[in-house]
Structures are given as structure tokens and as C-alpha cells.
Amino acid sequence: MKQPETNKASMYKGLQRIFLAILLMFIGPVIINSAFKNQEHFLYYPVLLLGCGICLTAMYLFFKGLQKLVSGIFNE
């Protein structure tokens, strides 16, 4: 019985997305914390929304990267 081949290009793209998501997982909370420290500033809401958007993007990229990685391993 032959073992199925792994799709290395798909695995690589999945790992790239996961590493980018991990980077954004650190950047997003730092921006949110910076916004909370400057609540009296007129750019409070745009900076807070930017930080929340980065965190949501990180979650999306992580799950899509994990999905791509698993599909590359099992060659689906």
C-alpha cells in the first residue's frame, strides 16, 4: 500500500500564514493597549479599531493557515 504524497507547497503557504498570524497576534494587543493608554486623544477610536482589526485578521489567518497546512499534509 502506497503512502499518499504530501503537498509541500500547500504546507509552506499554510506555515507562512501561521507565522504571519503569530506576528499579528503580538502587534494587535500592543496597539490596543496603546489606545487604552491614550483615551483622551482624538485618535482613540481609530487606533482601537485598527488594533481590533489586526487581532481579527490574525485569528482569520491562523485558522486559514492551519486549514491549508492540514490539507497539504493529507493532500486533499
N, C-alpha and C. Protein backbone atom coordinates (compact mmCIF):
# COMPACT_ATOMS: atom_id res chain seq x y z
N MET A 1 0.84 -1.18 0.00
CA MET A 1 0.00 0.00 0.00
C MET A 1 0.88 1.24 0.00
N LYS A 2 0.65 2.13 -0.96
CA LYS A 2 1.48 3.31 -1.13
C LYS A 2 1.00 4.45 -0.23
N GLN A 3 1.96 5.11 0.40
CA GLN A 3 1.63 6.25 1.26
C GLN A 3 1.29 7.45 0.38
N PRO A 4 0.28 8.24 0.77
CA PRO A 4 -0.04 9.43 -0.04
C PRO A 4 1.04 10.49 0.10
N GLU A 5 1.30 11.17 -0.98
CA GLU A 5 2.31 12.22 -1.00
C GLU A 5 1.77 13.48 -0.32
N THR A 6 2.66 14.21 0.33
CA THR A 6 2.27 15.49 0.92
C THR A 6 2.50 16.60 -0.09
N ASN A 7 1.65 17.59 -0.04
CA ASN A 7 1.78 18.74 -0.93
C ASN A 7 2.61 19.79 -0.19
N LYS A 8 3.89 19.85 -0.51
CA LYS A 8 4.81 20.72 0.23
C LYS A 8 4.55 22.20 -0.02
N ALA A 9 4.10 22.55 -1.21
CA ALA A 9 3.81 23.96 -1.50
C ALA A 9 2.64 24.45 -0.65
N SER A 10 1.62 23.62 -0.52
CA SER A 10 0.47 23.98 0.30
C SER A 10 0.86 24.05 1.78
N MET A 11 1.69 23.15 2.22
CA MET A 11 2.16 23.18 3.60
C MET A 11 2.97 24.44 3.87
N TYR A 12 3.80 24.83 2.93
CA TYR A 12 4.63 26.03 3.09
C TYR A 12 3.76 27.28 3.17
N LYS A 13 2.73 27.37 2.32
CA LYS A 13 1.83 28.52 2.37
C LYS A 13 1.06 28.56 3.69
N GLY A 14 0.67 27.39 4.19
CA GLY A 14 -0.01 27.34 5.47
C GLY A 14 0.89 27.80 6.61
N LEU A 15 2.14 27.39 6.58
CA LEU A 15 3.08 27.82 7.61
C LEU A 15 3.36 29.31 7.53
N GLN A 16 3.42 29.85 6.32
CA GLN A 16 3.61 31.29 6.16
C GLN A 16 2.46 32.07 6.78
N ARG A 17 1.24 31.60 6.53
CA ARG A 17 0.08 32.28 7.11
C ARG A 17 0.08 32.18 8.63
N ILE A 18 0.47 31.04 9.16
CA ILE A 18 0.50 30.87 10.62
C ILE A 18 1.56 31.78 11.23
N PHE A 19 2.73 31.88 10.62
CA PHE A 19 3.77 32.76 11.17
C PHE A 19 3.36 34.22 11.08
N LEU A 20 2.68 34.62 10.01
CA LEU A 20 2.19 35.98 9.90
C LEU A 20 1.12 36.24 10.96
N ALA A 21 0.27 35.25 11.21
CA ALA A 21 -0.76 35.40 12.23
C ALA A 21 -0.14 35.54 13.62
N ILE A 22 0.90 34.79 13.89
CA ILE A 22 1.57 34.90 15.19
C ILE A 22 2.18 36.29 15.36
N LEU A 23 2.75 36.83 14.30
CA LEU A 23 3.29 38.18 14.36
C LEU A 23 2.18 39.20 14.65
N LEU A 24 1.05 39.05 13.97
CA LEU A 24 -0.07 39.96 14.19
C LEU A 24 -0.69 39.77 15.57
N MET A 25 -0.58 38.57 16.14
CA MET A 25 -1.10 38.32 17.49
C MET A 25 -0.32 39.11 18.55
N PHE A 26 0.89 39.49 18.25
CA PHE A 26 1.65 40.34 19.17
C PHE A 26 1.42 41.82 18.89
N ILE A 27 1.29 42.18 17.62
CA ILE A 27 1.15 43.58 17.25
C ILE A 27 -0.23 44.13 17.65
N GLY A 28 -1.29 43.35 17.42
CA GLY A 28 -2.64 43.81 17.71
C GLY A 28 -2.86 44.23 19.17
N PRO A 29 -2.55 43.37 20.14
CA PRO A 29 -2.74 43.78 21.54
C PRO A 29 -1.87 44.96 21.96
N VAL A 30 -0.70 45.11 21.37
CA VAL A 30 0.14 46.27 21.69
C VAL A 30 -0.55 47.55 21.22
N ILE A 31 -1.15 47.52 20.04
CA ILE A 31 -1.86 48.69 19.54
C ILE A 31 -3.10 48.97 20.39
N ILE A 32 -3.82 47.93 20.79
CA ILE A 32 -5.00 48.12 21.64
C ILE A 32 -4.59 48.71 22.99
N ASN A 33 -3.51 48.21 23.56
CA ASN A 33 -3.02 48.74 24.83
C ASN A 33 -2.61 50.21 24.68
N SER A 34 -1.98 50.54 23.58
CA SER A 34 -1.60 51.92 23.32
C SER A 34 -2.83 52.82 23.22
N ALA A 35 -3.89 52.31 22.61
CA ALA A 35 -5.12 53.10 22.51
C ALA A 35 -5.73 53.32 23.89
N PHE A 36 -5.74 52.29 24.73
CA PHE A 36 -6.32 52.44 26.07
C PHE A 36 -5.52 53.38 26.96
N LYS A 37 -4.23 53.49 26.71
CA LYS A 37 -3.41 54.42 27.49
C LYS A 37 -3.67 55.88 27.09
N ASN A 38 -4.19 56.11 25.89
CA ASN A 38 -4.41 57.47 25.39
C ASN A 38 -5.89 57.70 25.08
N GLN A 39 -6.75 57.45 26.05
CA GLN A 39 -8.19 57.56 25.79
C GLN A 39 -8.64 58.99 25.55
N GLU A 40 -7.90 59.96 26.01
CA GLU A 40 -8.31 61.35 25.81
C GLU A 40 -7.87 61.89 24.44
N HIS A 41 -7.06 61.15 23.72
CA HIS A 41 -6.58 61.58 22.41
C HIS A 41 -7.70 61.46 21.37
N PHE A 42 -7.68 62.35 20.37
CA PHE A 42 -8.76 62.36 19.38
C PHE A 42 -8.69 61.16 18.42
N LEU A 43 -7.56 60.46 18.36
CA LEU A 43 -7.45 59.28 17.51
C LEU A 43 -7.67 57.98 18.29
N TYR A 44 -8.31 58.08 19.46
CA TYR A 44 -8.52 56.90 20.30
C TYR A 44 -9.32 55.82 19.56
N TYR A 45 -10.47 56.18 19.00
CA TYR A 45 -11.32 55.18 18.36
C TYR A 45 -10.70 54.59 17.08
N PRO A 46 -10.09 55.40 16.22
CA PRO A 46 -9.45 54.77 15.04
C PRO A 46 -8.31 53.81 15.40
N VAL A 47 -7.52 54.17 16.41
CA VAL A 47 -6.42 53.29 16.81
C VAL A 47 -6.96 52.02 17.46
N LEU A 48 -8.01 52.16 18.26
CA LEU A 48 -8.62 50.99 18.88
C LEU A 48 -9.22 50.07 17.83
N LEU A 49 -9.90 50.64 16.85
CA LEU A 49 -10.46 49.83 15.77
C LEU A 49 -9.36 49.16 14.92
N LEU A 50 -8.26 49.86 14.72
CA LEU A 50 -7.14 49.27 13.99
C LEU A 50 -6.59 48.06 14.74
N GLY A 51 -6.41 48.20 16.06
CA GLY A 51 -5.91 47.09 16.86
C GLY A 51 -6.86 45.91 16.85
N CYS A 52 -8.16 46.18 16.96
CA CYS A 52 -9.15 45.10 16.92
C CYS A 52 -9.17 44.43 15.54
N GLY A 53 -9.04 45.22 14.50
CA GLY A 53 -8.99 44.66 13.14
C GLY A 53 -7.77 43.78 12.94
N ILE A 54 -6.64 44.19 13.49
CA ILE A 54 -5.43 43.37 13.38
C ILE A 54 -5.60 42.05 14.13
N CYS A 55 -6.22 42.10 15.31
CA CYS A 55 -6.46 40.87 16.07
C CYS A 55 -7.41 39.93 15.33
N LEU A 56 -8.46 40.48 14.74
CA LEU A 56 -9.39 39.64 13.97
C LEU A 56 -8.71 39.05 12.73
N THR A 57 -7.87 39.84 12.08
CA THR A 57 -7.12 39.34 10.93
C THR A 57 -6.17 38.22 11.34
N ALA A 58 -5.56 38.36 12.50
CA ALA A 58 -4.65 37.32 13.00
C ALA A 58 -5.40 36.02 13.22
N MET A 59 -6.60 36.10 13.80
CA MET A 59 -7.39 34.88 14.03
C MET A 59 -7.77 34.24 12.70
N TYR A 60 -8.20 35.06 11.75
CA TYR A 60 -8.59 34.53 10.43
C TYR A 60 -7.41 33.86 9.74
N LEU A 61 -6.25 34.54 9.74
CA LEU A 61 -5.07 33.98 9.08
C LEU A 61 -4.61 32.70 9.75
N PHE A 62 -4.72 32.64 11.08
CA PHE A 62 -4.29 31.43 11.79
C PHE A 62 -5.14 30.24 11.38
N PHE A 63 -6.46 30.41 11.38
CA PHE A 63 -7.32 29.28 11.02
C PHE A 63 -7.22 28.91 9.55
N LYS A 64 -7.07 29.90 8.68
CA LYS A 64 -6.89 29.57 7.26
C LYS A 64 -5.53 28.89 7.02
N GLY A 65 -4.50 29.34 7.74
CA GLY A 65 -3.19 28.71 7.61
C GLY A 65 -3.20 27.29 8.13
N LEU A 66 -3.90 27.07 9.23
CA LEU A 66 -4.00 25.72 9.77
C LEU A 66 -4.76 24.81 8.82
N GLN A 67 -5.82 25.35 8.22
CA GLN A 67 -6.58 24.58 7.25
C GLN A 67 -5.72 24.22 6.04
N LYS A 68 -4.94 25.17 5.56
CA LYS A 68 -4.06 24.94 4.41
C LYS A 68 -2.96 23.93 4.75
N LEU A 69 -2.43 24.03 5.97
CA LEU A 69 -1.39 23.10 6.40
C LEU A 69 -1.92 21.67 6.47
N VAL A 70 -3.09 21.50 7.06
CA VAL A 70 -3.66 20.16 7.18
C VAL A 70 -4.03 19.60 5.81
N SER A 71 -4.56 20.44 4.93
CA SER A 71 -4.88 19.94 3.58
C SER A 71 -3.62 19.57 2.82
N GLY A 72 -2.51 20.26 3.10
CA GLY A 72 -1.24 19.90 2.46
C GLY A 72 -0.67 18.61 2.99
N ILE A 73 -0.86 18.35 4.28
CA ILE A 73 -0.37 17.11 4.88
C ILE A 73 -1.12 15.91 4.34
N PHE A 74 -2.45 16.04 4.30
CA PHE A 74 -3.26 14.91 3.86
C PHE A 74 -3.55 14.93 2.37
N ASN A 75 -3.02 15.94 1.65
CA ASN A 75 -3.13 16.06 0.19
C ASN A 75 -4.58 15.98 -0.27
N GLU A 76 -5.40 16.85 0.30
CA GLU A 76 -6.81 16.88 -0.08
C GLU A 76 -7.05 17.87 -1.20
